[in-house]
Amino acid sequence: MIQRVYERATKARLVSAVAVATDDERIYKAVLGFGGTAVMTSVAHQSGTDRVSEAVSILGLGNAVDVVVNMQGDEPLIEPAAIDAAIAPLIADETIQVSTLKTRISSQEDYNNPNVVKVVCDSSGYALYFSRSQVPYARNPCVIYKHIGLYVYRRGFLERFHSIQPSLLEEAEGLEQLRALEAGVRIKVVETQYCPVSVDTPEDLEKVRGIFKS
C-alpha cells in the first residue's frame, strides 16, 4: 500500500521529490526495498505535521525547499491532480502558509460519521473550523464538506508549528490542524472532486483491493 501511495505522489506535476517519514522499521525497510526514500523519525510525535517537520530536518533540505507536502500513507488511490491542486495556492500566493483539500459530502452516513472530518470555510476559502461533529448543523439545506487530510506547508511554518504546544481544541477533537487555527494561522482549503478511500480497517483494505482488481 505504501508503495502505491509513493508512486502516485511521484506522478504529481508540482512534486519534485518524495520521501516516507516513519517510526516503524518495517515500513522503513519496505520503502527501501522498492527503491524509495525513507527516514526514521521519533516515536514521540503527536501529529503527522510534527513528524514531517523532523523529516525535513533529517533530510537536510535547508533553504533548498520552500513548500512541503504532507500526505497520508493510507490512501493508495490518491489522485496526483488533487495533490497539485493543494500545492497551487502556495505557488500563486506567497502569503499563504498552509493549504489543504475538501470535497462535498454526498451521504448522510458520512455526515453522521465522526471519523469523517467536516470543514467549514469563509467566503474566501479559508477554514473557519474543522470538526468530527455535524458542522454546519444543517437546519436548512446546505453544502457540507469533508476534509481530506493532505496538507501543504511553507517550510517556515513547519518550524513554527513544531514549537507550538498542542492546543485545547486539537486535543478535544483529535485534529492537529486545529493547533494552527488556534495559533491564528489561516488555512486555505481547496475544493476537489477527488473523494478519498482511506484504508483504516480490514474492510477498507478489501474494498481498495477490489477497486484495483476491477
N, C-alpha and C. Protein backbone atom coordinates (compact mmCIF):
# COMPACT_ATOMS: atom_id res chain seq x y z
N MET A 1 0.82 -1.21 0.00
CA MET A 1 0.00 0.00 0.00
C MET A 1 0.86 1.27 0.00
N ILE A 2 1.89 1.26 0.84
CA ILE A 2 2.74 2.45 0.91
C ILE A 2 3.45 2.69 -0.41
N GLN A 3 3.77 1.62 -1.12
CA GLN A 3 4.41 1.78 -2.42
C GLN A 3 3.46 2.45 -3.40
N ARG A 4 2.19 2.07 -3.38
CA ARG A 4 1.22 2.67 -4.29
C ARG A 4 1.06 4.16 -4.00
N VAL A 5 1.00 4.52 -2.72
CA VAL A 5 0.89 5.94 -2.35
C VAL A 5 2.12 6.70 -2.83
N TYR A 6 3.28 6.12 -2.61
CA TYR A 6 4.55 6.73 -3.01
C TYR A 6 4.56 6.97 -4.52
N GLU A 7 4.17 5.96 -5.27
CA GLU A 7 4.20 6.07 -6.73
C GLU A 7 3.20 7.09 -7.25
N ARG A 8 2.04 7.17 -6.61
CA ARG A 8 1.04 8.18 -7.01
C ARG A 8 1.58 9.59 -6.75
N ALA A 9 2.27 9.75 -5.63
CA ALA A 9 2.82 11.06 -5.29
C ALA A 9 3.85 11.52 -6.31
N THR A 10 4.64 10.59 -6.80
CA THR A 10 5.68 10.97 -7.78
C THR A 10 5.08 11.42 -9.10
N LYS A 11 3.82 11.09 -9.33
CA LYS A 11 3.17 11.48 -10.58
C LYS A 11 2.59 12.90 -10.53
N ALA A 12 2.55 13.51 -9.36
CA ALA A 12 2.05 14.89 -9.25
C ALA A 12 3.02 15.83 -9.96
N ARG A 13 2.49 16.70 -10.79
CA ARG A 13 3.31 17.57 -11.62
C ARG A 13 4.15 18.54 -10.80
N LEU A 14 3.63 18.99 -9.65
CA LEU A 14 4.30 20.02 -8.86
C LEU A 14 5.19 19.44 -7.75
N VAL A 15 5.29 18.13 -7.68
CA VAL A 15 6.12 17.49 -6.67
C VAL A 15 7.49 17.15 -7.26
N SER A 16 8.55 17.60 -6.61
CA SER A 16 9.91 17.37 -7.14
C SER A 16 10.62 16.20 -6.48
N ALA A 17 10.18 15.81 -5.27
CA ALA A 17 10.82 14.69 -4.58
C ALA A 17 9.85 14.12 -3.56
N VAL A 18 9.98 12.80 -3.31
CA VAL A 18 9.08 12.12 -2.38
C VAL A 18 9.90 11.32 -1.37
N ALA A 19 9.50 11.36 -0.09
CA ALA A 19 10.15 10.57 0.95
C ALA A 19 9.09 10.12 1.95
N VAL A 20 9.30 8.98 2.55
CA VAL A 20 8.40 8.45 3.57
C VAL A 20 9.02 8.68 4.94
N ALA A 21 8.24 9.31 5.83
CA ALA A 21 8.68 9.53 7.21
C ALA A 21 7.93 8.55 8.10
N THR A 22 8.64 7.75 8.86
CA THR A 22 8.00 6.72 9.68
C THR A 22 8.78 6.46 10.96
N ASP A 23 8.10 5.89 11.95
CA ASP A 23 8.80 5.44 13.15
C ASP A 23 8.77 3.91 13.24
N ASP A 24 8.35 3.26 12.14
CA ASP A 24 8.21 1.81 12.09
C ASP A 24 9.27 1.24 11.15
N GLU A 25 10.13 0.40 11.71
CA GLU A 25 11.24 -0.15 10.90
C GLU A 25 10.74 -1.01 9.76
N ARG A 26 9.56 -1.63 9.92
CA ARG A 26 9.02 -2.47 8.84
C ARG A 26 8.67 -1.61 7.62
N ILE A 27 8.07 -0.45 7.88
CA ILE A 27 7.74 0.46 6.78
C ILE A 27 9.01 1.00 6.15
N TYR A 28 9.96 1.38 7.00
CA TYR A 28 11.24 1.91 6.51
C TYR A 28 11.91 0.91 5.55
N LYS A 29 11.98 -0.36 5.94
CA LYS A 29 12.62 -1.37 5.11
C LYS A 29 11.82 -1.64 3.84
N ALA A 30 10.49 -1.58 3.95
CA ALA A 30 9.65 -1.82 2.78
C ALA A 30 9.88 -0.74 1.71
N VAL A 31 10.00 0.51 2.16
CA VAL A 31 10.22 1.61 1.21
C VAL A 31 11.58 1.47 0.54
N LEU A 32 12.60 1.19 1.33
CA LEU A 32 13.93 0.99 0.73
C LEU A 32 13.91 -0.20 -0.23
N GLY A 33 13.09 -1.19 0.09
CA GLY A 33 13.01 -2.39 -0.74
C GLY A 33 12.47 -2.13 -2.13
N PHE A 34 11.56 -1.17 -2.28
CA PHE A 34 11.06 -0.86 -3.63
C PHE A 34 11.80 0.32 -4.26
N GLY A 35 12.89 0.73 -3.63
CA GLY A 35 13.73 1.78 -4.21
C GLY A 35 13.34 3.19 -3.84
N GLY A 36 12.50 3.34 -2.81
CA GLY A 36 12.08 4.67 -2.39
C GLY A 36 13.00 5.28 -1.35
N THR A 37 12.73 6.52 -1.01
CA THR A 37 13.48 7.23 0.03
C THR A 37 12.67 7.23 1.32
N ALA A 38 13.30 6.90 2.43
CA ALA A 38 12.61 6.87 3.71
C ALA A 38 13.51 7.39 4.81
N VAL A 39 12.90 7.96 5.86
CA VAL A 39 13.65 8.42 7.03
C VAL A 39 12.95 7.93 8.29
N MET A 40 13.74 7.51 9.26
CA MET A 40 13.21 7.09 10.55
C MET A 40 13.08 8.31 11.45
N THR A 41 11.90 8.48 12.04
CA THR A 41 11.64 9.62 12.91
C THR A 41 11.26 9.15 14.31
N SER A 42 11.15 10.08 15.21
CA SER A 42 10.86 9.77 16.61
C SER A 42 9.48 9.14 16.79
N VAL A 43 9.37 8.28 17.81
CA VAL A 43 8.09 7.66 18.13
C VAL A 43 7.24 8.59 19.00
N ALA A 44 7.79 9.73 19.40
CA ALA A 44 7.12 10.60 20.35
C ALA A 44 6.21 11.65 19.72
N HIS A 45 6.19 11.74 18.40
CA HIS A 45 5.41 12.78 17.74
C HIS A 45 3.91 12.61 17.98
N GLN A 46 3.24 13.74 18.23
CA GLN A 46 1.81 13.72 18.49
C GLN A 46 0.98 13.98 17.23
N SER A 47 1.62 14.35 16.14
CA SER A 47 0.89 14.61 14.90
C SER A 47 1.77 14.33 13.70
N GLY A 48 1.13 14.16 12.56
CA GLY A 48 1.87 13.95 11.33
C GLY A 48 2.70 15.16 10.96
N THR A 49 2.21 16.34 11.28
CA THR A 49 2.95 17.56 10.95
C THR A 49 4.26 17.62 11.73
N ASP A 50 4.22 17.23 12.99
CA ASP A 50 5.45 17.18 13.78
C ASP A 50 6.44 16.20 13.17
N ARG A 51 5.95 15.08 12.70
CA ARG A 51 6.82 14.06 12.09
C ARG A 51 7.45 14.59 10.80
N VAL A 52 6.64 15.28 9.99
CA VAL A 52 7.15 15.84 8.74
C VAL A 52 8.22 16.89 9.03
N SER A 53 8.01 17.68 10.07
CA SER A 53 8.99 18.69 10.43
C SER A 53 10.34 18.06 10.74
N GLU A 54 10.33 16.95 11.49
CA GLU A 54 11.59 16.28 11.79
C GLU A 54 12.20 15.68 10.53
N ALA A 55 11.36 15.12 9.67
CA ALA A 55 11.86 14.50 8.44
C ALA A 55 12.57 15.52 7.56
N VAL A 56 12.01 16.72 7.45
CA VAL A 56 12.64 17.77 6.66
C VAL A 56 14.02 18.09 7.22
N SER A 57 14.12 18.11 8.54
CA SER A 57 15.41 18.37 9.19
C SER A 57 16.40 17.25 8.91
N ILE A 58 15.95 16.00 9.03
CA ILE A 58 16.83 14.85 8.80
C ILE A 58 17.35 14.83 7.37
N LEU A 59 16.47 15.16 6.43
CA LEU A 59 16.84 15.14 5.02
C LEU A 59 17.80 16.28 4.65
N GLY A 60 17.96 17.24 5.58
CA GLY A 60 18.90 18.34 5.35
C GLY A 60 18.52 19.23 4.19
N LEU A 61 17.21 19.48 4.04
CA LEU A 61 16.75 20.26 2.89
C LEU A 61 17.08 21.74 3.02
N GLY A 62 17.15 22.22 4.26
CA GLY A 62 17.53 23.62 4.48
C GLY A 62 16.69 24.58 3.67
N ASN A 63 17.35 25.56 3.07
CA ASN A 63 16.65 26.58 2.28
C ASN A 63 16.35 26.13 0.86
N ALA A 64 16.71 24.89 0.53
CA ALA A 64 16.50 24.41 -0.83
C ALA A 64 15.04 24.15 -1.14
N VAL A 65 14.23 23.95 -0.09
CA VAL A 65 12.80 23.65 -0.27
C VAL A 65 11.97 24.65 0.51
N ASP A 66 11.01 25.27 -0.16
CA ASP A 66 10.12 26.24 0.49
C ASP A 66 8.76 25.64 0.79
N VAL A 67 8.31 24.66 -0.02
CA VAL A 67 6.98 24.09 0.12
C VAL A 67 7.10 22.59 0.39
N VAL A 68 6.38 22.12 1.42
CA VAL A 68 6.43 20.72 1.82
C VAL A 68 5.01 20.16 1.85
N VAL A 69 4.82 18.97 1.28
CA VAL A 69 3.51 18.33 1.25
C VAL A 69 3.49 17.18 2.24
N ASN A 70 2.43 17.10 3.02
CA ASN A 70 2.23 16.01 3.98
C ASN A 70 1.06 15.16 3.51
N MET A 71 1.37 13.96 3.02
CA MET A 71 0.34 13.02 2.57
C MET A 71 0.23 11.86 3.55
N GLN A 72 -0.97 11.29 3.63
CA GLN A 72 -1.17 10.12 4.47
C GLN A 72 -0.78 8.86 3.71
N GLY A 73 -0.24 7.89 4.41
CA GLY A 73 0.20 6.66 3.77
C GLY A 73 -0.89 5.64 3.57
N ASP A 74 -2.15 6.01 3.91
CA ASP A 74 -3.24 5.04 3.81
C ASP A 74 -4.21 5.35 2.67
N GLU A 75 -3.75 6.14 1.68
CA GLU A 75 -4.61 6.49 0.56
C GLU A 75 -3.96 6.08 -0.77
N PRO A 76 -4.01 4.78 -1.09
CA PRO A 76 -3.35 4.30 -2.31
C PRO A 76 -4.04 4.76 -3.60
N LEU A 77 -5.21 5.39 -3.48
CA LEU A 77 -5.92 5.86 -4.67
C LEU A 77 -5.80 7.38 -4.86
N ILE A 78 -4.94 8.02 -4.08
CA ILE A 78 -4.80 9.47 -4.17
C ILE A 78 -4.51 9.91 -5.60
N GLU A 79 -5.22 10.94 -6.04
CA GLU A 79 -5.05 11.43 -7.41
C GLU A 79 -3.92 12.47 -7.47
N PRO A 80 -2.96 12.30 -8.35
CA PRO A 80 -1.88 13.29 -8.49
C PRO A 80 -2.43 14.70 -8.73
N ALA A 81 -3.52 14.82 -9.46
CA ALA A 81 -4.10 16.14 -9.73
C ALA A 81 -4.59 16.80 -8.46
N ALA A 82 -5.07 16.02 -7.50
CA ALA A 82 -5.53 16.57 -6.23
C ALA A 82 -4.34 17.11 -5.43
N ILE A 83 -3.21 16.41 -5.50
CA ILE A 83 -2.01 16.89 -4.82
C ILE A 83 -1.59 18.23 -5.41
N ASP A 84 -1.59 18.32 -6.74
CA ASP A 84 -1.22 19.57 -7.41
C ASP A 84 -2.17 20.70 -7.04
N ALA A 85 -3.46 20.38 -6.92
CA ALA A 85 -4.45 21.40 -6.58
C ALA A 85 -4.19 21.99 -5.20
N ALA A 86 -3.72 21.16 -4.28
CA ALA A 86 -3.42 21.64 -2.93
C ALA A 86 -2.15 22.49 -2.90
N ILE A 87 -1.20 22.17 -3.76
CA ILE A 87 0.06 22.91 -3.81
C ILE A 87 -0.09 24.27 -4.48
N ALA A 88 -0.95 24.34 -5.48
CA ALA A 88 -1.07 25.53 -6.32
C ALA A 88 -1.25 26.85 -5.57
N PRO A 89 -2.09 26.92 -4.51
CA PRO A 89 -2.27 28.21 -3.83
C PRO A 89 -0.97 28.78 -3.25
N LEU A 90 -0.09 27.93 -2.75
CA LEU A 90 1.17 28.41 -2.17
C LEU A 90 2.12 28.92 -3.24
N ILE A 91 2.00 28.40 -4.45
CA ILE A 91 2.81 28.89 -5.55
C ILE A 91 2.29 30.23 -6.04
N ALA A 92 0.96 30.37 -6.05
CA ALA A 92 0.34 31.59 -6.55
C ALA A 92 0.40 32.75 -5.56
N ASP A 93 0.42 32.45 -4.26
CA ASP A 93 0.34 33.50 -3.24
C ASP A 93 1.33 33.18 -2.12
N GLU A 94 2.40 33.96 -2.01
CA GLU A 94 3.45 33.69 -1.03
C GLU A 94 3.02 33.97 0.40
N THR A 95 1.87 34.61 0.60
CA THR A 95 1.39 34.87 1.96
C THR A 95 0.70 33.66 2.57
N ILE A 96 0.29 32.70 1.74
CA ILE A 96 -0.38 31.51 2.25
C ILE A 96 0.65 30.57 2.87
N GLN A 97 0.38 30.18 4.11
CA GLN A 97 1.31 29.33 4.85
C GLN A 97 0.93 27.85 4.83
N VAL A 98 -0.38 27.59 4.74
CA VAL A 98 -0.88 26.22 4.80
C VAL A 98 -2.07 26.08 3.86
N SER A 99 -2.16 24.94 3.18
CA SER A 99 -3.35 24.64 2.39
C SER A 99 -3.73 23.18 2.57
N THR A 100 -4.97 22.87 2.26
CA THR A 100 -5.47 21.51 2.36
C THR A 100 -6.62 21.34 1.38
N LEU A 101 -7.32 20.19 1.45
CA LEU A 101 -8.36 19.89 0.48
C LEU A 101 -9.69 19.59 1.15
N LYS A 102 -10.76 19.78 0.38
CA LYS A 102 -12.09 19.39 0.83
C LYS A 102 -12.86 18.83 -0.37
N THR A 103 -13.87 18.03 -0.07
CA THR A 103 -14.75 17.51 -1.12
C THR A 103 -16.16 17.44 -0.55
N ARG A 104 -17.15 17.52 -1.41
CA ARG A 104 -18.54 17.53 -0.95
C ARG A 104 -18.93 16.19 -0.33
N ILE A 105 -19.66 16.27 0.77
CA ILE A 105 -20.23 15.07 1.38
C ILE A 105 -21.55 14.77 0.68
N SER A 106 -21.69 13.54 0.22
CA SER A 106 -22.87 13.17 -0.56
C SER A 106 -23.81 12.23 0.16
N SER A 107 -23.44 11.79 1.36
CA SER A 107 -24.30 10.85 2.07
C SER A 107 -24.50 11.27 3.52
N GLN A 108 -25.67 10.97 4.03
CA GLN A 108 -25.98 11.25 5.44
C GLN A 108 -25.08 10.43 6.35
N GLU A 109 -24.71 9.25 5.89
CA GLU A 109 -23.84 8.38 6.68
C GLU A 109 -22.51 9.06 6.96
N ASP A 110 -21.92 9.69 5.94
CA ASP A 110 -20.65 10.39 6.14
C ASP A 110 -20.83 11.60 7.05
N TYR A 111 -21.95 12.30 6.89
CA TYR A 111 -22.21 13.48 7.71
C TYR A 111 -22.32 13.10 9.18
N ASN A 112 -22.89 11.92 9.45
CA ASN A 112 -23.08 11.48 10.83
C ASN A 112 -21.83 10.82 11.42
N ASN A 113 -20.88 10.46 10.56
CA ASN A 113 -19.72 9.67 10.99
C ASN A 113 -18.64 10.58 11.59
N PRO A 114 -18.29 10.37 12.88
CA PRO A 114 -17.24 11.20 13.49
C PRO A 114 -15.86 10.96 12.92
N ASN A 115 -15.68 9.86 12.21
CA ASN A 115 -14.39 9.60 11.57
C ASN A 115 -14.24 10.36 10.26
N VAL A 116 -15.33 10.94 9.78
CA VAL A 116 -15.30 11.81 8.60
C VAL A 116 -15.26 13.24 9.10
N VAL A 117 -14.11 13.89 8.95
CA VAL A 117 -13.92 15.24 9.47
C VAL A 117 -14.57 16.25 8.54
N LYS A 118 -15.38 17.13 9.12
CA LYS A 118 -16.05 18.18 8.35
C LYS A 118 -15.27 19.49 8.46
N VAL A 119 -15.36 20.30 7.41
CA VAL A 119 -14.70 21.60 7.42
C VAL A 119 -15.68 22.67 6.97
N VAL A 120 -15.62 23.81 7.65
CA VAL A 120 -16.44 24.98 7.30
C VAL A 120 -15.49 26.11 6.94
N CYS A 121 -15.75 26.77 5.80
CA CYS A 121 -14.85 27.80 5.30
C CYS A 121 -15.54 29.16 5.18
N ASP A 122 -14.73 30.22 5.12
CA ASP A 122 -15.28 31.55 4.88
C ASP A 122 -15.45 31.77 3.38
N SER A 123 -15.90 32.95 3.00
CA SER A 123 -16.20 33.23 1.60
C SER A 123 -14.96 33.28 0.72
N SER A 124 -13.76 33.37 1.35
CA SER A 124 -12.51 33.39 0.59
C SER A 124 -11.84 32.03 0.52
N GLY A 125 -12.49 31.01 1.08
CA GLY A 125 -11.94 29.67 1.01
C GLY A 125 -10.95 29.34 2.10
N TYR A 126 -10.99 30.09 3.20
CA TYR A 126 -10.12 29.78 4.34
C TYR A 126 -10.94 29.08 5.43
N ALA A 127 -10.32 28.14 6.10
CA ALA A 127 -11.02 27.34 7.10
C ALA A 127 -11.46 28.18 8.29
N LEU A 128 -12.71 28.00 8.69
CA LEU A 128 -13.21 28.58 9.93
C LEU A 128 -13.08 27.56 11.07
N TYR A 129 -13.38 26.29 10.73
CA TYR A 129 -13.29 25.24 11.75
C TYR A 129 -13.32 23.86 11.10
N PHE A 130 -12.67 22.91 11.77
CA PHE A 130 -12.71 21.50 11.41
C PHE A 130 -13.32 20.76 12.59
N SER A 131 -14.17 19.78 12.31
CA SER A 131 -14.79 19.06 13.43
C SER A 131 -15.22 17.66 13.02
N ARG A 132 -15.26 16.79 14.02
CA ARG A 132 -15.84 15.46 13.82
C ARG A 132 -17.35 15.50 13.99
N SER A 133 -17.84 16.60 14.52
CA SER A 133 -19.28 16.77 14.72
C SER A 133 -19.97 17.20 13.43
N GLN A 134 -21.28 17.29 13.46
CA GLN A 134 -22.07 17.68 12.30
C GLN A 134 -22.04 19.20 12.14
N VAL A 135 -21.04 19.70 11.43
CA VAL A 135 -20.94 21.14 11.16
C VAL A 135 -20.84 21.37 9.66
N PRO A 136 -21.55 22.38 9.16
CA PRO A 136 -22.55 23.13 9.91
C PRO A 136 -23.77 22.27 10.22
N TYR A 137 -24.50 22.61 11.27
CA TYR A 137 -25.72 21.89 11.57
C TYR A 137 -26.74 22.25 10.49
N ALA A 138 -27.16 21.26 9.72
CA ALA A 138 -27.98 21.53 8.53
C ALA A 138 -29.45 21.68 8.88
N ARG A 139 -29.77 22.77 9.56
CA ARG A 139 -31.18 23.06 9.85
C ARG A 139 -31.93 23.34 8.56
N ASN A 140 -31.23 23.98 7.63
CA ASN A 140 -31.75 24.20 6.28
C ASN A 140 -30.76 23.57 5.30
N PRO A 141 -31.21 23.22 4.09
CA PRO A 141 -30.32 22.58 3.11
C PRO A 141 -29.07 23.41 2.84
N CYS A 142 -27.91 22.77 2.84
CA CYS A 142 -26.66 23.46 2.54
C CYS A 142 -25.63 22.44 2.08
N VAL A 143 -24.56 22.93 1.47
CA VAL A 143 -23.48 22.06 1.04
C VAL A 143 -22.56 21.80 2.23
N ILE A 144 -22.26 20.54 2.47
CA ILE A 144 -21.39 20.14 3.58
C ILE A 144 -20.13 19.50 3.02
N TYR A 145 -18.99 19.86 3.59
CA TYR A 145 -17.72 19.40 3.04
C TYR A 145 -16.96 18.49 3.99
N LYS A 146 -16.35 17.48 3.40
CA LYS A 146 -15.45 16.57 4.09
C LYS A 146 -14.02 17.07 3.92
N HIS A 147 -13.27 17.05 5.00
CA HIS A 147 -11.86 17.43 4.91
C HIS A 147 -11.02 16.25 4.47
N ILE A 148 -10.12 16.49 3.54
CA ILE A 148 -9.17 15.47 3.08
C ILE A 148 -7.82 15.79 3.73
N GLY A 149 -7.29 14.82 4.47
CA GLY A 149 -6.10 15.08 5.29
C GLY A 149 -4.78 15.12 4.54
N LEU A 150 -4.70 15.97 3.55
CA LEU A 150 -3.46 16.25 2.84
C LEU A 150 -3.13 17.72 3.08
N TYR A 151 -1.91 18.00 3.53
CA TYR A 151 -1.53 19.37 3.86
C TYR A 151 -0.32 19.81 3.05
N VAL A 152 -0.29 21.09 2.74
CA VAL A 152 0.87 21.70 2.10
C VAL A 152 1.31 22.86 2.98
N TYR A 153 2.61 22.92 3.30
CA TYR A 153 3.12 23.94 4.22
C TYR A 153 4.30 24.71 3.62
N ARG A 154 4.44 25.94 4.08
CA ARG A 154 5.72 26.62 3.93
C ARG A 154 6.69 25.99 4.94
N ARG A 155 7.93 25.87 4.55
CA ARG A 155 8.91 25.29 5.47
C ARG A 155 9.01 26.08 6.76
N GLY A 156 8.92 27.40 6.66
CA GLY A 156 8.98 28.24 7.85
C GLY A 156 7.83 27.96 8.81
N PHE A 157 6.64 27.68 8.26
CA PHE A 157 5.50 27.35 9.12
C PHE A 157 5.75 26.03 9.85
N LEU A 158 6.34 25.07 9.16
CA LEU A 158 6.64 23.79 9.80
C LEU A 158 7.50 23.98 11.05
N GLU A 159 8.51 24.83 10.92
CA GLU A 159 9.40 25.09 12.05
C GLU A 159 8.63 25.75 13.19
N ARG A 160 7.73 26.66 12.85
CA ARG A 160 6.93 27.34 13.88
C ARG A 160 5.94 26.38 14.52
N PHE A 161 5.27 25.56 13.71
CA PHE A 161 4.25 24.64 14.22
C PHE A 161 4.85 23.68 15.24
N HIS A 162 6.04 23.19 14.93
CA HIS A 162 6.68 22.21 15.80
C HIS A 162 6.97 22.79 17.18
N SER A 163 7.07 24.11 17.27
CA SER A 163 7.39 24.75 18.56
C SER A 163 6.14 25.11 19.37
N ILE A 164 4.96 24.97 18.75
CA ILE A 164 3.70 25.31 19.43
C ILE A 164 3.17 24.08 20.17
N GLN A 165 2.77 24.27 21.40
CA GLN A 165 2.21 23.17 22.17
C GLN A 165 0.83 22.77 21.63
N PRO A 166 0.48 21.48 21.67
CA PRO A 166 -0.85 21.05 21.25
C PRO A 166 -1.92 21.87 21.95
N SER A 167 -2.93 22.28 21.19
CA SER A 167 -3.96 23.18 21.73
C SER A 167 -5.13 22.41 22.34
N LEU A 168 -5.98 23.13 23.05
CA LEU A 168 -7.14 22.52 23.70
C LEU A 168 -8.11 21.92 22.68
N LEU A 169 -8.37 22.66 21.61
CA LEU A 169 -9.29 22.15 20.59
C LEU A 169 -8.69 20.95 19.86
N GLU A 170 -7.39 21.02 19.59
CA GLU A 170 -6.71 19.90 18.95
C GLU A 170 -6.87 18.63 19.77
N GLU A 171 -6.66 18.74 21.07
CA GLU A 171 -6.76 17.57 21.93
C GLU A 171 -8.19 17.11 22.10
N ALA A 172 -9.14 18.05 22.09
CA ALA A 172 -10.54 17.69 22.25
C ALA A 172 -11.06 16.92 21.04
N GLU A 173 -10.73 17.41 19.84
CA GLU A 173 -11.23 16.79 18.61
C GLU A 173 -10.28 15.72 18.05
N GLY A 174 -9.03 15.76 18.49
CA GLY A 174 -8.04 14.85 17.91
C GLY A 174 -7.69 15.24 16.50
N LEU A 175 -7.60 16.57 16.24
CA LEU A 175 -7.34 17.09 14.90
C LEU A 175 -6.20 18.10 14.98
N GLU A 176 -5.05 17.74 14.38
CA GLU A 176 -3.86 18.57 14.51
C GLU A 176 -4.01 19.94 13.85
N GLN A 177 -4.84 20.06 12.81
CA GLN A 177 -4.98 21.33 12.11
C GLN A 177 -5.60 22.41 12.99
N LEU A 178 -6.27 22.01 14.06
CA LEU A 178 -6.86 23.00 14.97
C LEU A 178 -5.78 23.74 15.76
N ARG A 179 -4.61 23.12 15.91
CA ARG A 179 -3.50 23.81 16.57
C ARG A 179 -3.11 25.05 15.77
N ALA A 180 -3.08 24.90 14.44
CA ALA A 180 -2.74 26.04 13.58
C ALA A 180 -3.82 27.12 13.66
N LEU A 181 -5.09 26.72 13.60
CA LEU A 181 -6.17 27.71 13.66
C LEU A 181 -6.14 28.46 14.99
N GLU A 182 -5.93 27.74 16.08
CA GLU A 182 -5.89 28.40 17.39
C GLU A 182 -4.70 29.34 17.52
N ALA A 183 -3.66 29.08 16.76
CA ALA A 183 -2.47 29.95 16.78
C ALA A 183 -2.63 31.13 15.84
N GLY A 184 -3.77 31.21 15.15
CA GLY A 184 -4.03 32.35 14.28
C GLY A 184 -3.56 32.17 12.85
N VAL A 185 -3.21 30.95 12.47
CA VAL A 185 -2.75 30.67 11.10
C VAL A 185 -3.97 30.41 10.21
N ARG A 186 -4.02 31.07 9.07
CA ARG A 186 -5.11 30.85 8.12
C ARG A 186 -4.78 29.64 7.24
N ILE A 187 -5.75 28.77 7.06
CA ILE A 187 -5.56 27.57 6.25
C ILE A 187 -6.43 27.67 5.00
N LYS A 188 -5.78 27.71 3.85
CA LYS A 188 -6.51 27.75 2.58
C LYS A 188 -7.04 26.36 2.27
N VAL A 189 -8.31 26.27 1.90
CA VAL A 189 -8.94 24.98 1.64
C VAL A 189 -9.42 24.95 0.18
N VAL A 190 -8.89 24.00 -0.57
CA VAL A 190 -9.19 23.88 -2.00
C VAL A 190 -10.21 22.76 -2.22
N GLU A 191 -11.27 23.06 -2.96
CA GLU A 191 -12.26 22.03 -3.26
C GLU A 191 -11.78 21.14 -4.40
N THR A 192 -12.01 19.84 -4.27
CA THR A 192 -11.64 18.88 -5.30
C THR A 192 -12.76 17.88 -5.49
N GLN A 193 -12.82 17.28 -6.66
CA GLN A 193 -13.79 16.23 -6.92
C GLN A 193 -13.31 14.88 -6.37
N TYR A 194 -12.02 14.81 -6.06
CA TYR A 194 -11.46 13.57 -5.55
C TYR A 194 -12.06 13.23 -4.19
N CYS A 195 -12.55 12.00 -4.06
CA CYS A 195 -13.11 11.55 -2.79
C CYS A 195 -12.27 10.38 -2.30
N PRO A 196 -11.50 10.55 -1.24
CA PRO A 196 -10.54 9.54 -0.82
C PRO A 196 -11.17 8.25 -0.32
N VAL A 197 -10.47 7.16 -0.56
CA VAL A 197 -10.82 5.87 0.02
C VAL A 197 -9.64 5.48 0.90
N SER A 198 -9.71 5.85 2.17
CA SER A 198 -8.61 5.58 3.09
C SER A 198 -8.71 4.16 3.63
N VAL A 199 -7.56 3.55 3.91
CA VAL A 199 -7.54 2.20 4.45
C VAL A 199 -7.34 2.27 5.95
N ASP A 200 -8.45 2.25 6.68
CA ASP A 200 -8.41 2.33 8.14
C ASP A 200 -8.77 1.00 8.80
N THR A 201 -9.40 0.11 8.05
CA THR A 201 -9.86 -1.17 8.60
C THR A 201 -9.59 -2.29 7.58
N PRO A 202 -9.64 -3.56 8.00
CA PRO A 202 -9.51 -4.67 7.05
C PRO A 202 -10.56 -4.61 5.95
N GLU A 203 -11.76 -4.11 6.29
CA GLU A 203 -12.82 -3.99 5.29
C GLU A 203 -12.45 -2.97 4.23
N ASP A 204 -11.83 -1.86 4.67
CA ASP A 204 -11.37 -0.84 3.72
C ASP A 204 -10.33 -1.43 2.78
N LEU A 205 -9.45 -2.25 3.32
CA LEU A 205 -8.39 -2.85 2.51
C LEU A 205 -8.98 -3.73 1.41
N GLU A 206 -9.97 -4.52 1.77
CA GLU A 206 -10.61 -5.38 0.78
C GLU A 206 -11.32 -4.55 -0.28
N LYS A 207 -11.93 -3.44 0.12
CA LYS A 207 -12.60 -2.56 -0.83
C LYS A 207 -11.62 -2.00 -1.84
N VAL A 208 -10.46 -1.55 -1.36
CA VAL A 208 -9.44 -0.99 -2.25
C VAL A 208 -8.87 -2.07 -3.15
N ARG A 209 -8.65 -3.26 -2.62
CA ARG A 209 -8.16 -4.36 -3.45
C ARG A 209 -9.14 -4.65 -4.59
N GLY A 210 -10.44 -4.59 -4.27
CA GLY A 210 -11.46 -4.82 -5.28
C GLY A 210 -11.41 -3.77 -6.37
N ILE A 211 -11.15 -2.51 -5.98
CA ILE A 211 -11.05 -1.42 -6.95
C ILE A 211 -9.88 -1.65 -7.89
N PHE A 212 -8.73 -2.07 -7.33
CA PHE A 212 -7.55 -2.31 -8.17
C PHE A 212 -7.78 -3.49 -9.12
N LYS A 213 -8.49 -4.51 -8.64
CA LYS A 213 -8.75 -5.68 -9.49
C LYS A 213 -9.67 -5.34 -10.66
N SER A 214 -10.59 -4.39 -10.41
CA SER A 214 -11.55 -4.02 -11.46
C SER A 214 -10.94 -3.06 -12.47
